[in-house]
């Protein structure tokens, strides 16, 4: 059974990287994490074994984590979000310039 924090992480990574997965992996992961279908339901809908669904989801999760490790889009967005929240609370033009320079130059 997956912890809630891992479930949320996988769901978020799926938003970022699902188009890099195979069609089956993407379909199974979207069914499971976004549409809340059980492995048995996904298996039945696709005429495959529950084990095949499980294996595909497991490989898909591993790939999502590898993509984030290599590309880091989610982490960069989280970092930018934190800096923007800080800027909102204590606005200074210099801070804005630093954020713009570090992300867009």
N, C-alpha and C. Protein backbone atom coordinates (compact mmCIF):
# COMPACT_ATOMS: atom_id res chain seq x y z
N UNK A 1 0.85 -1.18 0.00
CA UNK A 1 0.00 0.00 0.00
C UNK A 1 0.89 1.24 0.00
N UNK A 2 0.52 2.19 -0.82
CA UNK A 2 1.32 3.39 -1.01
C UNK A 2 0.94 4.45 0.03
N UNK A 3 1.95 5.09 0.60
CA UNK A 3 1.73 6.19 1.52
C UNK A 3 1.11 7.37 0.76
N UNK A 4 0.36 8.19 1.48
CA UNK A 4 -0.28 9.34 0.85
C UNK A 4 0.74 10.27 0.22
N UNK A 5 1.85 10.50 0.89
CA UNK A 5 2.86 11.43 0.35
C UNK A 5 3.43 10.90 -0.97
N UNK A 6 3.65 9.58 -1.06
CA UNK A 6 4.15 9.01 -2.32
C UNK A 6 3.07 9.08 -3.39
N UNK A 7 1.82 8.83 -3.01
CA UNK A 7 0.70 8.92 -3.95
C UNK A 7 0.64 10.33 -4.55
N UNK A 8 0.76 11.34 -3.70
CA UNK A 8 0.72 12.73 -4.17
C UNK A 8 1.92 13.05 -5.05
N UNK A 9 3.08 12.53 -4.69
CA UNK A 9 4.28 12.76 -5.49
C UNK A 9 4.10 12.16 -6.88
N UNK A 10 3.64 10.91 -6.94
CA UNK A 10 3.45 10.24 -8.22
C UNK A 10 2.41 10.97 -9.06
N UNK A 11 1.32 11.39 -8.43
CA UNK A 11 0.28 12.14 -9.15
C UNK A 11 0.84 13.42 -9.75
N UNK A 12 1.66 14.12 -8.99
CA UNK A 12 2.26 15.35 -9.48
C UNK A 12 3.24 15.08 -10.61
N UNK A 13 4.10 14.08 -10.43
CA UNK A 13 5.07 13.74 -11.48
C UNK A 13 4.36 13.29 -12.74
N UNK A 14 3.23 12.63 -12.58
CA UNK A 14 2.43 12.20 -13.73
C UNK A 14 1.98 13.41 -14.55
N UNK A 15 1.59 14.48 -13.87
CA UNK A 15 1.22 15.71 -14.58
C UNK A 15 2.37 16.24 -15.43
N UNK A 16 3.57 16.15 -14.90
CA UNK A 16 4.73 16.68 -15.59
C UNK A 16 5.22 15.79 -16.73
N UNK A 17 5.24 14.48 -16.50
CA UNK A 17 5.97 13.60 -17.41
C UNK A 17 5.15 12.50 -18.09
N UNK A 18 3.83 12.53 -17.96
CA UNK A 18 3.05 11.40 -18.49
C UNK A 18 3.22 11.22 -20.00
N UNK A 19 3.49 12.28 -20.71
CA UNK A 19 3.65 12.14 -22.16
C UNK A 19 4.96 11.46 -22.56
N UNK A 20 5.83 11.23 -21.60
CA UNK A 20 7.09 10.51 -21.87
C UNK A 20 6.94 9.00 -21.65
N UNK A 21 5.83 8.58 -21.11
CA UNK A 21 5.58 7.15 -20.83
C UNK A 21 5.01 6.47 -22.07
N UNK A 22 5.08 5.14 -22.06
CA UNK A 22 4.43 4.39 -23.13
C UNK A 22 2.92 4.59 -23.01
N UNK A 23 2.20 4.31 -24.08
CA UNK A 23 0.75 4.49 -24.06
C UNK A 23 0.10 3.70 -22.93
N UNK A 24 0.50 2.44 -22.77
CA UNK A 24 -0.09 1.59 -21.73
C UNK A 24 0.24 2.10 -20.34
N UNK A 25 1.51 2.44 -20.11
CA UNK A 25 1.89 2.95 -18.79
C UNK A 25 1.10 4.22 -18.47
N UNK A 26 1.02 5.11 -19.44
CA UNK A 26 0.28 6.35 -19.22
C UNK A 26 -1.19 6.05 -18.91
N UNK A 27 -1.79 5.19 -19.70
CA UNK A 27 -3.20 4.85 -19.50
C UNK A 27 -3.43 4.25 -18.12
N UNK A 28 -2.59 3.28 -17.73
CA UNK A 28 -2.77 2.62 -16.44
C UNK A 28 -2.54 3.59 -15.27
N UNK A 29 -1.51 4.42 -15.38
CA UNK A 29 -1.22 5.37 -14.31
C UNK A 29 -2.32 6.42 -14.19
N UNK A 30 -2.80 6.92 -15.31
CA UNK A 30 -3.89 7.90 -15.28
C UNK A 30 -5.14 7.24 -14.69
N UNK A 31 -5.45 6.02 -15.13
CA UNK A 31 -6.61 5.30 -14.59
C UNK A 31 -6.50 5.16 -13.08
N UNK A 32 -5.32 4.80 -12.61
CA UNK A 32 -5.14 4.51 -11.19
C UNK A 32 -5.04 5.78 -10.34
N UNK A 33 -4.22 6.75 -10.77
CA UNK A 33 -3.94 7.91 -9.94
C UNK A 33 -4.89 9.08 -10.15
N UNK A 34 -5.43 9.22 -11.35
CA UNK A 34 -6.32 10.35 -11.61
C UNK A 34 -7.79 9.95 -11.58
N UNK A 35 -8.07 8.74 -12.03
CA UNK A 35 -9.47 8.29 -12.09
C UNK A 35 -9.83 7.35 -10.95
N UNK A 36 -8.83 7.04 -10.11
CA UNK A 36 -9.02 6.24 -8.90
C UNK A 36 -9.59 4.84 -9.17
N UNK A 37 -9.17 4.23 -10.27
CA UNK A 37 -9.59 2.86 -10.55
C UNK A 37 -8.66 1.89 -9.84
N UNK A 38 -9.19 0.77 -9.42
CA UNK A 38 -8.36 -0.27 -8.79
C UNK A 38 -7.59 -1.01 -9.88
N UNK A 39 -6.58 -1.76 -9.45
CA UNK A 39 -5.81 -2.56 -10.40
C UNK A 39 -6.72 -3.58 -11.09
N UNK A 40 -7.64 -4.16 -10.33
CA UNK A 40 -8.56 -5.15 -10.89
C UNK A 40 -9.46 -4.50 -11.95
N UNK A 41 -9.94 -3.29 -11.69
CA UNK A 41 -10.79 -2.60 -12.67
C UNK A 41 -10.01 -2.28 -13.95
N UNK A 42 -8.78 -1.82 -13.80
CA UNK A 42 -7.95 -1.50 -14.96
C UNK A 42 -7.68 -2.78 -15.75
N UNK A 43 -7.37 -3.86 -15.04
CA UNK A 43 -7.10 -5.14 -15.71
C UNK A 43 -8.32 -5.60 -16.50
N UNK A 44 -9.48 -5.53 -15.89
CA UNK A 44 -10.71 -5.94 -16.57
C UNK A 44 -10.98 -5.08 -17.80
N UNK A 45 -10.82 -3.77 -17.67
CA UNK A 45 -11.07 -2.85 -18.78
C UNK A 45 -10.11 -3.07 -19.95
N UNK A 46 -8.93 -3.61 -19.66
CA UNK A 46 -7.91 -3.79 -20.69
C UNK A 46 -7.68 -5.25 -21.07
N UNK A 47 -8.47 -6.12 -20.49
CA UNK A 47 -8.38 -7.55 -20.81
C UNK A 47 -6.98 -8.11 -20.55
N UNK A 48 -6.39 -7.70 -19.45
CA UNK A 48 -5.07 -8.20 -19.05
C UNK A 48 -5.14 -8.62 -17.58
N UNK A 49 -4.08 -9.24 -17.11
CA UNK A 49 -4.07 -9.66 -15.71
C UNK A 49 -3.81 -8.47 -14.79
N UNK A 50 -4.23 -8.63 -13.55
CA UNK A 50 -3.97 -7.62 -12.54
C UNK A 50 -2.46 -7.44 -12.37
N UNK A 51 -1.72 -8.54 -12.47
CA UNK A 51 -0.26 -8.51 -12.34
C UNK A 51 0.37 -7.67 -13.46
N UNK A 52 -0.17 -7.78 -14.67
CA UNK A 52 0.36 -6.98 -15.80
C UNK A 52 0.15 -5.49 -15.54
N UNK A 53 -1.01 -5.14 -15.00
CA UNK A 53 -1.29 -3.75 -14.66
C UNK A 53 -0.33 -3.28 -13.58
N UNK A 54 -0.19 -4.09 -12.54
CA UNK A 54 0.70 -3.76 -11.43
C UNK A 54 2.13 -3.53 -11.92
N UNK A 55 2.62 -4.45 -12.76
CA UNK A 55 3.99 -4.34 -13.28
C UNK A 55 4.18 -3.07 -14.11
N UNK A 56 3.19 -2.78 -14.96
CA UNK A 56 3.27 -1.56 -15.79
C UNK A 56 3.25 -0.31 -14.93
N UNK A 57 2.41 -0.28 -13.91
CA UNK A 57 2.33 0.88 -13.02
C UNK A 57 3.65 1.03 -12.27
N UNK A 58 4.17 -0.06 -11.77
CA UNK A 58 5.44 -0.04 -11.03
C UNK A 58 6.57 0.52 -11.91
N UNK A 59 6.67 0.02 -13.15
CA UNK A 59 7.69 0.53 -14.08
C UNK A 59 7.45 2.00 -14.41
N UNK A 60 6.19 2.37 -14.58
CA UNK A 60 5.85 3.76 -14.88
C UNK A 60 6.26 4.70 -13.77
N UNK A 61 6.00 4.31 -12.53
CA UNK A 61 6.39 5.12 -11.37
C UNK A 61 7.90 5.29 -11.33
N UNK A 62 8.60 4.21 -11.58
CA UNK A 62 10.07 4.26 -11.58
C UNK A 62 10.56 5.24 -12.65
N UNK A 63 9.95 5.19 -13.83
CA UNK A 63 10.33 6.11 -14.91
C UNK A 63 10.02 7.56 -14.55
N UNK A 64 8.86 7.81 -13.96
CA UNK A 64 8.51 9.18 -13.56
C UNK A 64 9.56 9.75 -12.62
N UNK A 65 9.98 8.93 -11.66
CA UNK A 65 10.99 9.38 -10.69
C UNK A 65 12.34 9.61 -11.37
N UNK A 66 12.68 8.76 -12.34
CA UNK A 66 13.93 8.94 -13.08
C UNK A 66 13.89 10.22 -13.93
N UNK A 67 12.75 10.49 -14.55
CA UNK A 67 12.62 11.72 -15.34
C UNK A 67 12.80 12.94 -14.45
N UNK A 68 12.18 12.93 -13.28
CA UNK A 68 12.32 14.07 -12.37
C UNK A 68 13.77 14.21 -11.91
N UNK A 69 14.42 13.08 -11.65
CA UNK A 69 15.82 13.11 -11.22
C UNK A 69 16.69 13.75 -12.30
N UNK A 70 16.42 13.43 -13.55
CA UNK A 70 17.24 13.93 -14.66
C UNK A 70 16.83 15.34 -15.09
N UNK A 71 15.53 15.62 -15.13
CA UNK A 71 15.05 16.88 -15.68
C UNK A 71 14.72 17.92 -14.61
N UNK A 72 14.17 17.48 -13.49
CA UNK A 72 13.94 18.34 -12.35
C UNK A 72 12.92 19.45 -12.52
N UNK A 73 11.97 19.28 -13.43
CA UNK A 73 10.98 20.34 -13.66
C UNK A 73 10.13 20.61 -12.42
N UNK A 74 9.71 19.56 -11.75
CA UNK A 74 8.87 19.74 -10.56
C UNK A 74 9.63 20.48 -9.47
N UNK A 75 10.85 20.07 -9.23
CA UNK A 75 11.65 20.72 -8.18
C UNK A 75 11.90 22.19 -8.52
N UNK A 76 12.18 22.48 -9.78
CA UNK A 76 12.40 23.88 -10.20
C UNK A 76 11.13 24.70 -9.99
N UNK A 77 9.99 24.14 -10.31
CA UNK A 77 8.73 24.85 -10.11
C UNK A 77 8.46 25.09 -8.62
N UNK A 78 8.75 24.10 -7.79
CA UNK A 78 8.57 24.27 -6.34
C UNK A 78 9.47 25.37 -5.81
N UNK A 79 10.69 25.38 -6.29
CA UNK A 79 11.65 26.41 -5.87
C UNK A 79 11.16 27.80 -6.28
N UNK A 80 10.72 27.93 -7.53
CA UNK A 80 10.21 29.21 -8.01
C UNK A 80 8.98 29.63 -7.22
N UNK A 81 8.10 28.70 -6.92
CA UNK A 81 6.90 28.99 -6.13
C UNK A 81 7.29 29.56 -4.77
N UNK A 82 8.26 28.94 -4.13
CA UNK A 82 8.72 29.42 -2.82
C UNK A 82 9.28 30.83 -2.90
N UNK A 83 10.07 31.10 -3.94
CA UNK A 83 10.64 32.43 -4.10
C UNK A 83 9.56 33.47 -4.38
N UNK A 84 8.56 33.10 -5.15
CA UNK A 84 7.48 34.05 -5.45
C UNK A 84 6.62 34.33 -4.22
N UNK A 85 6.40 33.31 -3.39
CA UNK A 85 5.66 33.53 -2.14
C UNK A 85 6.42 34.48 -1.24
N UNK A 86 7.72 34.26 -1.16
CA UNK A 86 8.56 35.14 -0.34
C UNK A 86 8.54 36.56 -0.90
N UNK A 87 8.57 36.69 -2.20
CA UNK A 87 8.52 38.00 -2.85
C UNK A 87 7.19 38.70 -2.56
N UNK A 88 6.10 37.94 -2.59
CA UNK A 88 4.78 38.51 -2.30
C UNK A 88 4.75 39.10 -0.89
N UNK A 89 5.37 38.38 0.05
CA UNK A 89 5.35 38.82 1.45
C UNK A 89 6.30 39.98 1.74
N UNK A 90 7.34 40.10 0.92
CA UNK A 90 8.35 41.13 1.17
C UNK A 90 8.88 41.62 -0.17
N UNK A 91 8.05 42.37 -0.88
CA UNK A 91 8.40 42.78 -2.24
C UNK A 91 9.51 43.82 -2.27
N UNK A 92 10.50 43.49 -3.10
CA UNK A 92 11.55 44.44 -3.43
C UNK A 92 11.89 44.20 -4.90
N UNK A 93 12.05 45.26 -5.64
CA UNK A 93 12.35 45.14 -7.07
C UNK A 93 13.62 44.30 -7.28
N UNK A 94 14.59 44.46 -6.39
CA UNK A 94 15.84 43.71 -6.52
C UNK A 94 15.59 42.19 -6.44
N UNK A 95 14.69 41.80 -5.53
CA UNK A 95 14.36 40.37 -5.41
C UNK A 95 13.71 39.86 -6.69
N UNK A 96 12.82 40.66 -7.24
CA UNK A 96 12.17 40.28 -8.49
C UNK A 96 13.20 40.15 -9.60
N UNK A 97 14.11 41.10 -9.68
CA UNK A 97 15.16 41.05 -10.69
C UNK A 97 16.02 39.80 -10.53
N UNK A 98 16.35 39.43 -9.28
CA UNK A 98 17.15 38.23 -9.03
C UNK A 98 16.42 36.97 -9.49
N UNK A 99 15.12 36.91 -9.20
CA UNK A 99 14.34 35.74 -9.62
C UNK A 99 14.30 35.66 -11.14
N UNK A 100 14.02 36.79 -11.78
CA UNK A 100 13.98 36.81 -13.25
C UNK A 100 15.33 36.41 -13.85
N UNK A 101 16.39 36.94 -13.29
CA UNK A 101 17.74 36.62 -13.80
C UNK A 101 18.07 35.14 -13.62
N UNK A 102 17.71 34.59 -12.46
CA UNK A 102 18.11 33.20 -12.19
C UNK A 102 17.28 32.20 -12.99
N UNK A 103 16.07 32.55 -13.38
CA UNK A 103 15.24 31.60 -14.11
C UNK A 103 15.15 31.85 -15.60
N UNK A 104 15.39 33.06 -16.02
CA UNK A 104 15.10 33.37 -17.42
C UNK A 104 16.23 34.04 -18.17
N UNK A 105 17.45 33.90 -17.67
CA UNK A 105 18.56 34.48 -18.44
C UNK A 105 19.66 33.48 -18.66
